[in-house]
Amino acid sequence: VSVSEKATDFYYKKNLNIPLAVVMGAEDVGISTDLLRISNELVKIPMLGKIESLNVSVATAIILYEVVKQRIKK
């Protein structure tokens, strides 16, 4: 699962209760085109207002929290 602002689906709408690797991009350049192309899923974090992106550590925490939340529910 790659987390990118280029995705069309939000992270919480995807099943993350599967074996997976989470790919996060660098704060300045994002995820490489090659990695985006081979990713099984692309997800994004919803943003409000004029914020375009989050610090990568904050974005990672949001995604990993959702992974844990989905795994606890099952």
N, C-alpha and C. Protein backbone atom coordinates (compact mmCIF):
# COMPACT_ATOMS: atom_id res chain seq x y z
N VAL A 1 0.85 -1.17 0.00
CA VAL A 1 0.00 0.00 0.00
C VAL A 1 0.90 1.23 0.00
N SER A 2 0.75 2.05 -1.02
CA SER A 2 1.49 3.31 -1.07
C SER A 2 0.57 4.45 -0.66
N VAL A 3 1.09 5.33 0.15
CA VAL A 3 0.32 6.47 0.64
C VAL A 3 0.78 7.70 -0.14
N SER A 4 -0.14 8.25 -0.93
CA SER A 4 0.23 9.35 -1.82
C SER A 4 -0.95 10.28 -2.02
N GLU A 5 -0.67 11.57 -2.14
CA GLU A 5 -1.72 12.53 -2.44
C GLU A 5 -2.27 12.32 -3.84
N LYS A 6 -1.58 11.52 -4.65
CA LYS A 6 -2.04 11.23 -6.01
C LYS A 6 -3.13 10.16 -6.05
N ALA A 7 -3.36 9.50 -4.93
CA ALA A 7 -4.37 8.44 -4.86
C ALA A 7 -5.77 9.03 -4.94
N THR A 8 -6.74 8.17 -5.27
CA THR A 8 -8.13 8.61 -5.32
C THR A 8 -8.94 8.08 -4.14
N ASP A 9 -8.49 7.00 -3.49
CA ASP A 9 -9.21 6.39 -2.38
C ASP A 9 -8.59 6.78 -1.04
N PHE A 10 -9.45 6.96 -0.03
CA PHE A 10 -8.97 7.26 1.30
C PHE A 10 -8.54 5.99 2.02
N TYR A 11 -7.55 6.09 2.89
CA TYR A 11 -6.96 4.94 3.57
C TYR A 11 -7.97 4.14 4.37
N TYR A 12 -8.94 4.78 4.97
CA TYR A 12 -9.89 4.08 5.84
C TYR A 12 -10.94 3.30 5.05
N LYS A 13 -10.97 3.45 3.74
CA LYS A 13 -11.91 2.71 2.91
C LYS A 13 -11.31 1.40 2.38
N LYS A 14 -10.06 1.16 2.66
CA LYS A 14 -9.37 -0.03 2.17
C LYS A 14 -9.20 -1.05 3.28
N ASN A 15 -9.19 -2.32 2.90
CA ASN A 15 -8.91 -3.40 3.84
C ASN A 15 -7.40 -3.45 4.08
N LEU A 16 -7.00 -3.09 5.26
CA LEU A 16 -5.59 -3.12 5.62
C LEU A 16 -5.28 -4.27 6.58
N ASN A 17 -6.25 -5.15 6.75
CA ASN A 17 -6.09 -6.30 7.62
C ASN A 17 -5.59 -7.50 6.81
N ILE A 18 -4.52 -7.28 6.09
CA ILE A 18 -3.90 -8.29 5.24
C ILE A 18 -2.39 -8.14 5.40
N PRO A 19 -1.62 -9.15 4.99
CA PRO A 19 -0.17 -8.95 4.99
C PRO A 19 0.16 -7.79 4.04
N LEU A 20 0.91 -6.82 4.51
CA LEU A 20 1.20 -5.68 3.64
C LEU A 20 2.48 -4.97 4.03
N ALA A 21 2.95 -4.22 3.10
CA ALA A 21 4.04 -3.27 3.34
C ALA A 21 3.46 -1.89 3.07
N VAL A 22 3.76 -0.95 3.94
CA VAL A 22 3.29 0.42 3.77
C VAL A 22 4.45 1.24 3.22
N VAL A 23 4.22 1.88 2.08
CA VAL A 23 5.25 2.69 1.44
C VAL A 23 4.90 4.16 1.65
N MET A 24 5.82 4.88 2.26
CA MET A 24 5.65 6.31 2.49
C MET A 24 6.74 7.04 1.71
N GLY A 25 6.40 8.15 1.12
CA GLY A 25 7.38 8.90 0.33
C GLY A 25 8.16 9.89 1.16
N ALA A 26 9.23 10.34 0.58
CA ALA A 26 10.02 11.40 1.19
C ALA A 26 9.19 12.69 1.20
N GLU A 27 9.42 13.52 2.18
CA GLU A 27 8.61 14.73 2.32
C GLU A 27 8.78 15.69 1.14
N ASP A 28 9.93 15.68 0.50
CA ASP A 28 10.16 16.64 -0.58
C ASP A 28 9.80 16.09 -1.96
N VAL A 29 9.95 14.79 -2.19
CA VAL A 29 9.72 14.25 -3.54
C VAL A 29 8.64 13.18 -3.61
N GLY A 30 8.16 12.71 -2.48
CA GLY A 30 7.12 11.69 -2.49
C GLY A 30 7.66 10.31 -2.84
N ILE A 31 6.78 9.48 -3.39
CA ILE A 31 7.13 8.11 -3.76
C ILE A 31 7.50 8.09 -5.24
N SER A 32 8.53 7.34 -5.58
CA SER A 32 8.97 7.29 -6.98
C SER A 32 7.87 6.72 -7.88
N THR A 33 7.88 7.11 -9.11
CA THR A 33 6.91 6.63 -10.09
C THR A 33 6.97 5.12 -10.22
N ASP A 34 8.16 4.55 -10.18
CA ASP A 34 8.31 3.09 -10.29
C ASP A 34 7.61 2.37 -9.13
N LEU A 35 7.78 2.87 -7.91
CA LEU A 35 7.12 2.25 -6.76
C LEU A 35 5.60 2.43 -6.82
N LEU A 36 5.15 3.59 -7.26
CA LEU A 36 3.70 3.80 -7.40
C LEU A 36 3.11 2.83 -8.41
N ARG A 37 3.83 2.59 -9.47
CA ARG A 37 3.35 1.71 -10.54
C ARG A 37 3.20 0.27 -10.07
N ILE A 38 4.09 -0.20 -9.20
CA ILE A 38 4.02 -1.61 -8.78
C ILE A 38 3.22 -1.81 -7.49
N SER A 39 2.75 -0.73 -6.90
CA SER A 39 1.95 -0.85 -5.67
C SER A 39 0.59 -1.47 -5.99
N ASN A 40 0.13 -2.36 -5.12
CA ASN A 40 -1.19 -2.96 -5.30
C ASN A 40 -2.30 -1.97 -5.00
N GLU A 41 -2.07 -1.09 -4.07
CA GLU A 41 -3.07 -0.10 -3.67
C GLU A 41 -2.41 1.26 -3.48
N LEU A 42 -3.14 2.31 -3.81
CA LEU A 42 -2.73 3.68 -3.53
C LEU A 42 -3.82 4.28 -2.65
N VAL A 43 -3.43 4.87 -1.55
CA VAL A 43 -4.39 5.51 -0.66
C VAL A 43 -3.89 6.90 -0.28
N LYS A 44 -4.84 7.72 0.15
CA LYS A 44 -4.47 9.06 0.59
C LYS A 44 -5.13 9.38 1.92
N ILE A 45 -4.61 10.38 2.57
CA ILE A 45 -5.16 10.90 3.82
C ILE A 45 -5.95 12.16 3.46
N PRO A 46 -7.19 12.25 3.91
CA PRO A 46 -7.96 13.45 3.57
C PRO A 46 -7.36 14.70 4.20
N MET A 47 -7.37 15.77 3.46
CA MET A 47 -6.83 17.06 3.92
C MET A 47 -7.92 18.12 3.86
N LEU A 48 -7.93 18.97 4.84
CA LEU A 48 -8.89 20.07 4.85
C LEU A 48 -8.15 21.40 4.71
N GLY A 49 -8.81 22.35 4.12
CA GLY A 49 -8.22 23.68 3.99
C GLY A 49 -7.09 23.71 2.99
N LYS A 50 -6.08 24.51 3.29
CA LYS A 50 -4.98 24.74 2.36
C LYS A 50 -3.79 23.82 2.58
N ILE A 51 -3.94 22.86 3.50
CA ILE A 51 -2.84 21.93 3.78
C ILE A 51 -2.72 20.95 2.63
N GLU A 52 -1.52 20.84 2.05
CA GLU A 52 -1.31 19.93 0.93
C GLU A 52 -0.78 18.58 1.37
N SER A 53 0.02 18.57 2.42
CA SER A 53 0.58 17.29 2.87
C SER A 53 0.98 17.41 4.34
N LEU A 54 1.24 16.24 4.93
CA LEU A 54 1.66 16.17 6.33
C LEU A 54 3.13 15.77 6.40
N ASN A 55 3.73 16.02 7.53
CA ASN A 55 5.05 15.49 7.82
C ASN A 55 4.98 13.98 7.69
N VAL A 56 5.99 13.35 7.13
CA VAL A 56 5.94 11.91 6.86
C VAL A 56 5.77 11.09 8.13
N SER A 57 6.31 11.53 9.25
CA SER A 57 6.14 10.77 10.49
C SER A 57 4.70 10.84 10.97
N VAL A 58 4.05 11.96 10.81
CA VAL A 58 2.64 12.11 11.19
C VAL A 58 1.76 11.26 10.27
N ALA A 59 2.01 11.33 8.98
CA ALA A 59 1.25 10.53 8.01
C ALA A 59 1.42 9.03 8.28
N THR A 60 2.62 8.62 8.61
CA THR A 60 2.88 7.21 8.91
C THR A 60 2.10 6.78 10.15
N ALA A 61 2.09 7.62 11.16
CA ALA A 61 1.35 7.30 12.38
C ALA A 61 -0.14 7.14 12.10
N ILE A 62 -0.70 7.98 11.26
CA ILE A 62 -2.13 7.88 10.92
C ILE A 62 -2.41 6.55 10.22
N ILE A 63 -1.59 6.20 9.26
CA ILE A 63 -1.81 4.96 8.50
C ILE A 63 -1.61 3.73 9.39
N LEU A 64 -0.55 3.71 10.18
CA LEU A 64 -0.30 2.55 11.04
C LEU A 64 -1.37 2.41 12.12
N TYR A 65 -1.91 3.51 12.60
CA TYR A 65 -3.01 3.44 13.55
C TYR A 65 -4.21 2.75 12.91
N GLU A 66 -4.49 3.08 11.67
CA GLU A 66 -5.62 2.44 10.97
C GLU A 66 -5.37 0.96 10.75
N VAL A 67 -4.14 0.58 10.43
CA VAL A 67 -3.80 -0.84 10.28
C VAL A 67 -4.08 -1.59 11.58
N VAL A 68 -3.60 -1.05 12.68
CA VAL A 68 -3.81 -1.69 13.99
C VAL A 68 -5.30 -1.72 14.34
N LYS A 69 -5.99 -0.64 14.11
CA LYS A 69 -7.43 -0.57 14.41
C LYS A 69 -8.20 -1.65 13.65
N GLN A 70 -7.91 -1.80 12.36
CA GLN A 70 -8.60 -2.82 11.56
C GLN A 70 -8.25 -4.24 12.04
N ARG A 71 -7.05 -4.45 12.48
CA ARG A 71 -6.65 -5.79 12.92
C ARG A 71 -7.24 -6.13 14.28
N ILE A 72 -7.45 -5.15 15.12
CA ILE A 72 -8.06 -5.39 16.43
C ILE A 72 -9.54 -5.71 16.28
N LYS A 73 -10.20 -5.08 15.32
CA LYS A 73 -11.63 -5.29 15.11
C LYS A 73 -11.96 -6.71 14.69
N LYS A 74 -11.06 -7.39 14.01
CA LYS A 74 -11.35 -8.72 13.45
C LYS A 74 -11.18 -9.80 14.47
